[in-house]
N, C-alpha and C. Protein backbone atom coordinates (compact mmCIF):
# COMPACT_ATOMS: atom_id res chain seq x y z
N UNK A 1 3.14 -0.73 13.25
CA UNK A 1 4.05 -0.51 14.34
C UNK A 1 3.34 -0.75 15.67
N UNK A 2 2.12 -0.26 15.78
CA UNK A 2 1.37 -0.45 17.04
C UNK A 2 1.21 -1.94 17.33
N UNK A 3 0.90 -2.72 16.30
CA UNK A 3 0.71 -4.15 16.48
C UNK A 3 2.00 -4.81 16.97
N UNK A 4 3.13 -4.38 16.43
CA UNK A 4 4.41 -4.94 16.84
C UNK A 4 4.70 -4.63 18.31
N UNK A 5 4.18 -3.51 18.78
CA UNK A 5 4.38 -3.14 20.19
C UNK A 5 3.31 -3.75 21.09
N UNK A 6 2.38 -4.52 20.51
CA UNK A 6 1.32 -5.13 21.29
C UNK A 6 0.18 -4.19 21.63
N UNK A 7 0.11 -3.06 20.91
CA UNK A 7 -0.95 -2.08 21.15
C UNK A 7 -2.12 -2.35 20.21
N UNK A 8 -3.32 -2.04 20.63
CA UNK A 8 -4.47 -2.25 19.75
C UNK A 8 -4.45 -1.28 18.57
N UNK A 9 -5.05 -1.66 17.45
CA UNK A 9 -5.11 -0.74 16.31
C UNK A 9 -5.93 0.50 16.66
N UNK A 10 -5.60 1.59 16.00
CA UNK A 10 -6.35 2.82 16.19
C UNK A 10 -7.72 2.66 15.53
N UNK A 11 -8.75 3.00 16.25
CA UNK A 11 -10.11 2.88 15.73
C UNK A 11 -10.60 4.26 15.36
N UNK A 12 -10.64 4.52 14.07
CA UNK A 12 -11.09 5.81 13.56
C UNK A 12 -12.37 5.59 12.77
N UNK A 13 -13.50 5.63 13.47
CA UNK A 13 -14.81 5.36 12.87
C UNK A 13 -15.11 6.32 11.72
N UNK A 14 -14.76 7.59 11.87
CA UNK A 14 -15.04 8.58 10.83
C UNK A 14 -14.27 8.25 9.56
N UNK A 15 -12.98 7.93 9.71
CA UNK A 15 -12.17 7.58 8.54
C UNK A 15 -12.68 6.30 7.87
N UNK A 16 -13.06 5.31 8.68
CA UNK A 16 -13.57 4.06 8.12
C UNK A 16 -14.86 4.30 7.34
N UNK A 17 -15.78 5.04 7.92
CA UNK A 17 -17.06 5.31 7.23
C UNK A 17 -16.84 6.05 5.91
N UNK A 18 -15.92 7.03 5.92
CA UNK A 18 -15.63 7.77 4.69
C UNK A 18 -15.02 6.84 3.64
N UNK A 19 -14.13 5.96 4.06
CA UNK A 19 -13.50 5.01 3.13
C UNK A 19 -14.54 4.06 2.54
N UNK A 20 -15.42 3.54 3.37
CA UNK A 20 -16.43 2.60 2.88
C UNK A 20 -17.41 3.29 1.92
N UNK A 21 -17.70 4.53 2.17
CA UNK A 21 -18.57 5.27 1.25
C UNK A 21 -17.91 5.42 -0.12
N UNK A 22 -16.62 5.73 -0.14
CA UNK A 22 -15.90 5.86 -1.42
C UNK A 22 -15.79 4.50 -2.11
N UNK A 23 -15.57 3.44 -1.34
CA UNK A 23 -15.50 2.09 -1.92
C UNK A 23 -16.83 1.74 -2.57
N UNK A 24 -17.91 1.95 -1.86
CA UNK A 24 -19.24 1.59 -2.38
C UNK A 24 -19.65 2.43 -3.58
N UNK A 25 -19.18 3.68 -3.63
CA UNK A 25 -19.49 4.55 -4.77
C UNK A 25 -18.53 4.33 -5.93
N UNK A 26 -17.48 3.55 -5.68
CA UNK A 26 -16.48 3.22 -6.71
C UNK A 26 -15.89 4.48 -7.33
N UNK A 27 -15.42 5.36 -6.48
CA UNK A 27 -14.79 6.58 -6.99
C UNK A 27 -13.29 6.34 -7.14
N UNK A 28 -12.63 7.28 -7.84
CA UNK A 28 -11.19 7.16 -8.04
C UNK A 28 -10.49 7.02 -6.69
N UNK A 29 -9.53 6.15 -6.65
CA UNK A 29 -8.72 5.82 -5.47
C UNK A 29 -9.47 5.00 -4.43
N UNK A 30 -10.60 4.41 -4.80
CA UNK A 30 -11.29 3.48 -3.90
C UNK A 30 -10.41 2.28 -3.60
N UNK A 31 -9.48 1.97 -4.49
CA UNK A 31 -8.55 0.87 -4.23
C UNK A 31 -7.67 1.15 -3.02
N UNK A 32 -7.29 2.40 -2.81
CA UNK A 32 -6.53 2.78 -1.61
C UNK A 32 -7.40 2.63 -0.36
N UNK A 33 -8.65 3.07 -0.48
CA UNK A 33 -9.58 2.96 0.65
C UNK A 33 -9.82 1.51 1.02
N UNK A 34 -9.94 0.65 0.01
CA UNK A 34 -10.17 -0.76 0.29
C UNK A 34 -8.95 -1.38 0.97
N UNK A 35 -7.75 -0.98 0.56
CA UNK A 35 -6.54 -1.48 1.24
C UNK A 35 -6.57 -1.10 2.71
N UNK A 36 -6.97 0.14 3.00
CA UNK A 36 -7.10 0.58 4.40
C UNK A 36 -8.14 -0.27 5.13
N UNK A 37 -9.31 -0.46 4.53
CA UNK A 37 -10.39 -1.21 5.18
C UNK A 37 -10.00 -2.67 5.41
N UNK A 38 -9.34 -3.28 4.44
CA UNK A 38 -8.92 -4.68 4.60
C UNK A 38 -7.88 -4.81 5.70
N UNK A 39 -6.98 -3.86 5.80
CA UNK A 39 -6.00 -3.89 6.89
C UNK A 39 -6.70 -3.72 8.23
N UNK A 40 -7.63 -2.80 8.30
CA UNK A 40 -8.44 -2.57 9.49
C UNK A 40 -9.09 -3.89 9.92
N UNK A 41 -9.68 -4.59 8.95
CA UNK A 41 -10.34 -5.87 9.20
C UNK A 41 -9.33 -6.91 9.71
N UNK A 42 -8.21 -7.03 9.00
CA UNK A 42 -7.20 -8.04 9.37
C UNK A 42 -6.63 -7.81 10.76
N UNK A 43 -6.56 -6.55 11.19
CA UNK A 43 -6.05 -6.25 12.52
C UNK A 43 -7.10 -6.50 13.61
N UNK A 44 -8.31 -6.82 13.20
CA UNK A 44 -9.36 -7.08 14.17
C UNK A 44 -9.94 -5.83 14.79
N UNK A 45 -9.77 -4.71 14.12
CA UNK A 45 -10.24 -3.43 14.65
C UNK A 45 -11.73 -3.25 14.41
N UNK A 46 -12.32 -2.36 15.19
CA UNK A 46 -13.71 -1.98 14.98
C UNK A 46 -14.70 -2.93 15.62
N UNK A 47 -15.95 -2.57 15.44
CA UNK A 47 -17.05 -3.37 15.98
C UNK A 47 -17.40 -4.49 15.01
N UNK A 48 -18.22 -5.40 15.46
CA UNK A 48 -18.68 -6.47 14.58
C UNK A 48 -19.45 -5.89 13.39
N UNK A 49 -20.20 -4.84 13.63
CA UNK A 49 -20.94 -4.16 12.55
C UNK A 49 -19.96 -3.56 11.53
N UNK A 50 -18.88 -2.94 11.99
CA UNK A 50 -17.87 -2.41 11.08
C UNK A 50 -17.27 -3.52 10.23
N UNK A 51 -16.98 -4.63 10.85
CA UNK A 51 -16.35 -5.74 10.15
C UNK A 51 -17.29 -6.35 9.11
N UNK A 52 -18.57 -6.43 9.42
CA UNK A 52 -19.55 -6.91 8.43
C UNK A 52 -19.64 -5.94 7.26
N UNK A 53 -19.60 -4.66 7.56
CA UNK A 53 -19.69 -3.62 6.53
C UNK A 53 -18.47 -3.69 5.59
N UNK A 54 -17.29 -3.89 6.16
CA UNK A 54 -16.09 -4.04 5.34
C UNK A 54 -16.22 -5.27 4.44
N UNK A 55 -16.64 -6.38 5.02
CA UNK A 55 -16.82 -7.62 4.26
C UNK A 55 -17.81 -7.41 3.12
N UNK A 56 -18.95 -6.81 3.43
CA UNK A 56 -19.98 -6.59 2.40
C UNK A 56 -19.46 -5.70 1.27
N UNK A 57 -18.75 -4.64 1.63
CA UNK A 57 -18.20 -3.74 0.60
C UNK A 57 -17.17 -4.46 -0.25
N UNK A 58 -16.31 -5.26 0.38
CA UNK A 58 -15.29 -6.00 -0.36
C UNK A 58 -15.91 -7.03 -1.29
N UNK A 59 -16.98 -7.68 -0.85
CA UNK A 59 -17.63 -8.70 -1.69
C UNK A 59 -18.35 -8.09 -2.89
N UNK A 60 -18.71 -6.81 -2.81
CA UNK A 60 -19.41 -6.14 -3.92
C UNK A 60 -18.47 -5.37 -4.84
N UNK A 61 -17.23 -5.21 -4.45
CA UNK A 61 -16.31 -4.32 -5.14
C UNK A 61 -15.99 -4.78 -6.56
N UNK A 62 -15.66 -3.83 -7.40
CA UNK A 62 -15.19 -4.10 -8.76
C UNK A 62 -13.66 -4.05 -8.73
N UNK A 63 -13.01 -5.20 -8.86
CA UNK A 63 -11.58 -5.29 -8.67
C UNK A 63 -10.74 -5.06 -9.93
N UNK A 64 -11.38 -5.00 -11.09
CA UNK A 64 -10.61 -4.76 -12.30
C UNK A 64 -11.53 -4.27 -13.40
N UNK A 65 -10.95 -3.61 -14.40
CA UNK A 65 -11.76 -3.00 -15.46
C UNK A 65 -12.53 -4.01 -16.30
N UNK A 66 -12.11 -5.27 -16.31
CA UNK A 66 -12.82 -6.27 -17.09
C UNK A 66 -13.99 -6.91 -16.33
N UNK A 67 -14.20 -6.50 -15.09
CA UNK A 67 -15.33 -7.00 -14.32
C UNK A 67 -16.56 -6.13 -14.60
N UNK A 68 -17.74 -6.69 -14.35
CA UNK A 68 -18.96 -5.89 -14.57
C UNK A 68 -18.94 -4.61 -13.74
N UNK A 69 -19.46 -3.57 -14.36
CA UNK A 69 -19.55 -2.28 -13.68
C UNK A 69 -19.65 -1.17 -14.70
N UNK A 70 -20.13 -0.07 -14.24
CA UNK A 70 -20.31 1.08 -15.13
C UNK A 70 -18.95 1.66 -15.49
N UNK A 71 -18.79 1.99 -16.75
CA UNK A 71 -17.56 2.65 -17.18
C UNK A 71 -17.46 4.05 -16.56
N UNK A 72 -18.55 4.53 -16.03
CA UNK A 72 -18.55 5.86 -15.42
C UNK A 72 -18.42 5.80 -13.91
N UNK A 73 -18.02 4.65 -13.37
CA UNK A 73 -17.95 4.56 -11.92
C UNK A 73 -16.79 5.36 -11.33
N UNK A 74 -15.91 5.89 -12.15
CA UNK A 74 -14.89 6.82 -11.68
C UNK A 74 -13.58 6.22 -11.26
N UNK A 75 -13.48 4.91 -11.21
CA UNK A 75 -12.22 4.30 -10.77
C UNK A 75 -11.21 4.28 -11.92
N UNK A 76 -9.97 4.59 -11.60
CA UNK A 76 -8.87 4.56 -12.56
C UNK A 76 -8.11 3.27 -12.34
N UNK A 77 -8.02 2.44 -13.37
CA UNK A 77 -7.39 1.13 -13.25
C UNK A 77 -5.96 1.11 -13.80
N UNK A 78 -5.58 2.11 -14.57
CA UNK A 78 -4.25 2.11 -15.19
C UNK A 78 -3.29 2.96 -14.36
N UNK A 79 -2.07 2.98 -14.80
CA UNK A 79 -1.04 3.77 -14.12
C UNK A 79 -0.02 2.87 -13.46
N UNK A 80 0.86 3.49 -12.74
CA UNK A 80 1.96 2.76 -12.11
C UNK A 80 1.52 1.98 -10.88
N UNK A 81 0.57 2.51 -10.11
CA UNK A 81 0.24 1.91 -8.83
C UNK A 81 -1.11 1.19 -8.79
N UNK A 82 -2.08 1.66 -9.53
CA UNK A 82 -3.43 1.10 -9.41
C UNK A 82 -3.51 -0.40 -9.75
N UNK A 83 -2.85 -0.89 -10.80
CA UNK A 83 -2.97 -2.33 -11.08
C UNK A 83 -2.53 -3.20 -9.91
N UNK A 84 -1.42 -2.85 -9.28
CA UNK A 84 -0.95 -3.65 -8.15
C UNK A 84 -1.91 -3.52 -6.97
N UNK A 85 -2.41 -2.34 -6.71
CA UNK A 85 -3.27 -2.14 -5.56
C UNK A 85 -4.63 -2.83 -5.74
N UNK A 86 -5.26 -2.67 -6.89
CA UNK A 86 -6.54 -3.35 -7.13
C UNK A 86 -6.38 -4.86 -6.97
N UNK A 87 -5.35 -5.41 -7.59
CA UNK A 87 -5.21 -6.86 -7.57
C UNK A 87 -4.65 -7.37 -6.26
N UNK A 88 -3.88 -6.54 -5.56
CA UNK A 88 -3.48 -6.88 -4.19
C UNK A 88 -4.69 -6.91 -3.27
N UNK A 89 -5.59 -5.94 -3.44
CA UNK A 89 -6.84 -5.94 -2.68
C UNK A 89 -7.64 -7.22 -2.97
N UNK A 90 -7.69 -7.57 -4.24
CA UNK A 90 -8.43 -8.78 -4.65
C UNK A 90 -7.83 -10.03 -4.01
N UNK A 91 -6.52 -10.12 -4.01
CA UNK A 91 -5.81 -11.25 -3.40
C UNK A 91 -6.12 -11.34 -1.91
N UNK A 92 -6.00 -10.22 -1.21
CA UNK A 92 -6.25 -10.21 0.23
C UNK A 92 -7.70 -10.53 0.55
N UNK A 93 -8.63 -9.86 -0.14
CA UNK A 93 -10.06 -10.11 0.12
C UNK A 93 -10.42 -11.55 -0.19
N UNK A 94 -9.90 -12.08 -1.29
CA UNK A 94 -10.18 -13.47 -1.64
C UNK A 94 -9.68 -14.44 -0.59
N UNK A 95 -8.52 -14.14 -0.03
CA UNK A 95 -7.99 -14.98 1.04
C UNK A 95 -8.77 -14.83 2.34
N UNK A 96 -9.28 -13.63 2.60
CA UNK A 96 -10.08 -13.43 3.81
C UNK A 96 -11.40 -14.18 3.76
N UNK A 97 -12.02 -14.23 2.58
CA UNK A 97 -13.33 -14.86 2.44
C UNK A 97 -13.32 -15.86 1.28
N UNK A 98 -12.55 -16.96 1.41
CA UNK A 98 -12.37 -17.89 0.30
C UNK A 98 -13.64 -18.59 -0.17
N UNK A 99 -14.59 -18.78 0.71
CA UNK A 99 -15.80 -19.51 0.34
C UNK A 99 -16.98 -18.59 0.03
N UNK A 100 -16.78 -17.30 0.17
CA UNK A 100 -17.86 -16.33 -0.11
C UNK A 100 -17.91 -16.04 -1.60
N UNK A 101 -19.10 -15.70 -2.08
CA UNK A 101 -19.27 -15.29 -3.47
C UNK A 101 -19.09 -13.78 -3.56
N UNK A 102 -18.21 -13.36 -4.44
CA UNK A 102 -18.02 -11.94 -4.73
C UNK A 102 -19.07 -11.57 -5.77
N UNK A 103 -20.05 -10.81 -5.34
CA UNK A 103 -21.28 -10.65 -6.12
C UNK A 103 -21.09 -9.92 -7.44
N UNK A 104 -20.05 -9.12 -7.57
CA UNK A 104 -19.85 -8.40 -8.83
C UNK A 104 -19.48 -9.35 -9.96
N UNK A 105 -18.81 -10.45 -9.63
CA UNK A 105 -18.37 -11.40 -10.66
C UNK A 105 -18.99 -12.78 -10.52
N UNK A 106 -19.50 -13.09 -9.34
CA UNK A 106 -20.00 -14.44 -9.08
C UNK A 106 -18.90 -15.42 -8.73
N UNK A 107 -17.67 -14.93 -8.62
CA UNK A 107 -16.53 -15.80 -8.29
C UNK A 107 -16.45 -16.00 -6.79
N UNK A 108 -15.95 -17.16 -6.39
CA UNK A 108 -15.67 -17.41 -4.98
C UNK A 108 -14.37 -16.68 -4.62
N UNK A 109 -14.20 -16.44 -3.34
CA UNK A 109 -13.03 -15.75 -2.87
C UNK A 109 -11.73 -16.41 -3.28
N UNK A 110 -11.68 -17.73 -3.21
CA UNK A 110 -10.43 -18.41 -3.58
C UNK A 110 -10.09 -18.17 -5.05
N UNK A 111 -11.11 -18.05 -5.91
CA UNK A 111 -10.87 -17.73 -7.32
C UNK A 111 -10.35 -16.30 -7.46
N UNK A 112 -10.92 -15.40 -6.68
CA UNK A 112 -10.46 -14.01 -6.70
C UNK A 112 -9.00 -13.95 -6.25
N UNK A 113 -8.65 -14.70 -5.22
CA UNK A 113 -7.28 -14.69 -4.71
C UNK A 113 -6.31 -15.20 -5.77
N UNK A 114 -6.67 -16.26 -6.46
CA UNK A 114 -5.81 -16.81 -7.51
C UNK A 114 -5.62 -15.78 -8.62
N UNK A 115 -6.71 -15.16 -9.05
CA UNK A 115 -6.64 -14.15 -10.10
C UNK A 115 -5.81 -12.95 -9.63
N UNK A 116 -6.04 -12.50 -8.41
CA UNK A 116 -5.29 -11.38 -7.87
C UNK A 116 -3.80 -11.66 -7.82
N UNK A 117 -3.45 -12.85 -7.38
CA UNK A 117 -2.03 -13.24 -7.30
C UNK A 117 -1.40 -13.26 -8.68
N UNK A 118 -2.11 -13.87 -9.63
CA UNK A 118 -1.58 -13.95 -11.00
C UNK A 118 -1.35 -12.56 -11.58
N UNK A 119 -2.31 -11.64 -11.38
CA UNK A 119 -2.17 -10.30 -11.94
C UNK A 119 -1.13 -9.47 -11.19
N UNK A 120 -0.98 -9.68 -9.90
CA UNK A 120 0.10 -9.01 -9.15
C UNK A 120 1.46 -9.45 -9.66
N UNK A 121 1.62 -10.76 -9.85
CA UNK A 121 2.90 -11.26 -10.35
C UNK A 121 3.19 -10.75 -11.76
N UNK A 122 2.16 -10.69 -12.60
CA UNK A 122 2.35 -10.16 -13.95
C UNK A 122 2.79 -8.70 -13.91
N UNK A 123 2.18 -7.92 -13.01
CA UNK A 123 2.55 -6.52 -12.86
C UNK A 123 4.00 -6.40 -12.40
N UNK A 124 4.38 -7.21 -11.41
CA UNK A 124 5.76 -7.17 -10.91
C UNK A 124 6.76 -7.58 -12.00
N UNK A 125 6.41 -8.58 -12.81
CA UNK A 125 7.28 -8.98 -13.91
C UNK A 125 7.45 -7.84 -14.91
N UNK A 126 6.36 -7.15 -15.20
CA UNK A 126 6.39 -6.02 -16.15
C UNK A 126 7.27 -4.90 -15.62
N UNK A 127 7.12 -4.56 -14.36
CA UNK A 127 7.90 -3.49 -13.75
C UNK A 127 9.38 -3.87 -13.68
N UNK A 128 9.64 -5.12 -13.34
CA UNK A 128 11.04 -5.57 -13.28
C UNK A 128 11.68 -5.53 -14.65
N UNK A 129 10.96 -5.98 -15.66
CA UNK A 129 11.50 -5.95 -17.03
C UNK A 129 11.78 -4.51 -17.46
N UNK A 130 10.89 -3.61 -17.12
CA UNK A 130 11.06 -2.19 -17.44
C UNK A 130 12.31 -1.64 -16.73
N UNK A 131 12.49 -1.99 -15.49
CA UNK A 131 13.64 -1.53 -14.72
C UNK A 131 14.94 -2.09 -15.30
N UNK A 132 14.90 -3.33 -15.73
CA UNK A 132 16.11 -3.97 -16.30
C UNK A 132 16.50 -3.28 -17.61
N UNK A 133 15.51 -2.89 -18.41
CA UNK A 133 15.78 -2.22 -19.69
C UNK A 133 16.40 -0.84 -19.46
N UNK A 134 16.01 -0.18 -18.39
CA UNK A 134 16.50 1.18 -18.16
C UNK A 134 17.80 1.24 -17.37
N UNK A 135 18.29 0.08 -16.92
CA UNK A 135 19.55 0.11 -16.15
C UNK A 135 20.76 -0.18 -17.00
């Protein structure tokens, strides 16, 4: 809403730092924190150091359960919302940094974006089919 009114994004350094810490530790709901950080980045908010930190965290992130990472990292990949959010994050991050290597998988950003889009569409198809069966 602020952007639509031509106002600058709210810069909440404390919230950003807390979100990046949860992203880097890969705790449950880090996918929500990454969505916040990616939006923060896309709006051009924060300092150049903040923006580098967001980029670095996004490039290291584990975007799905089939990617390398500890099974004990605490992230929940199943449920109604997490699949769409993880893969939406992957799509956005991949589009933001198409030529960068995402170090957790070795994939380039454009590959991450393609995978994220495919998995988002699959999730939407599954939810739509479920809704059609129940109506």
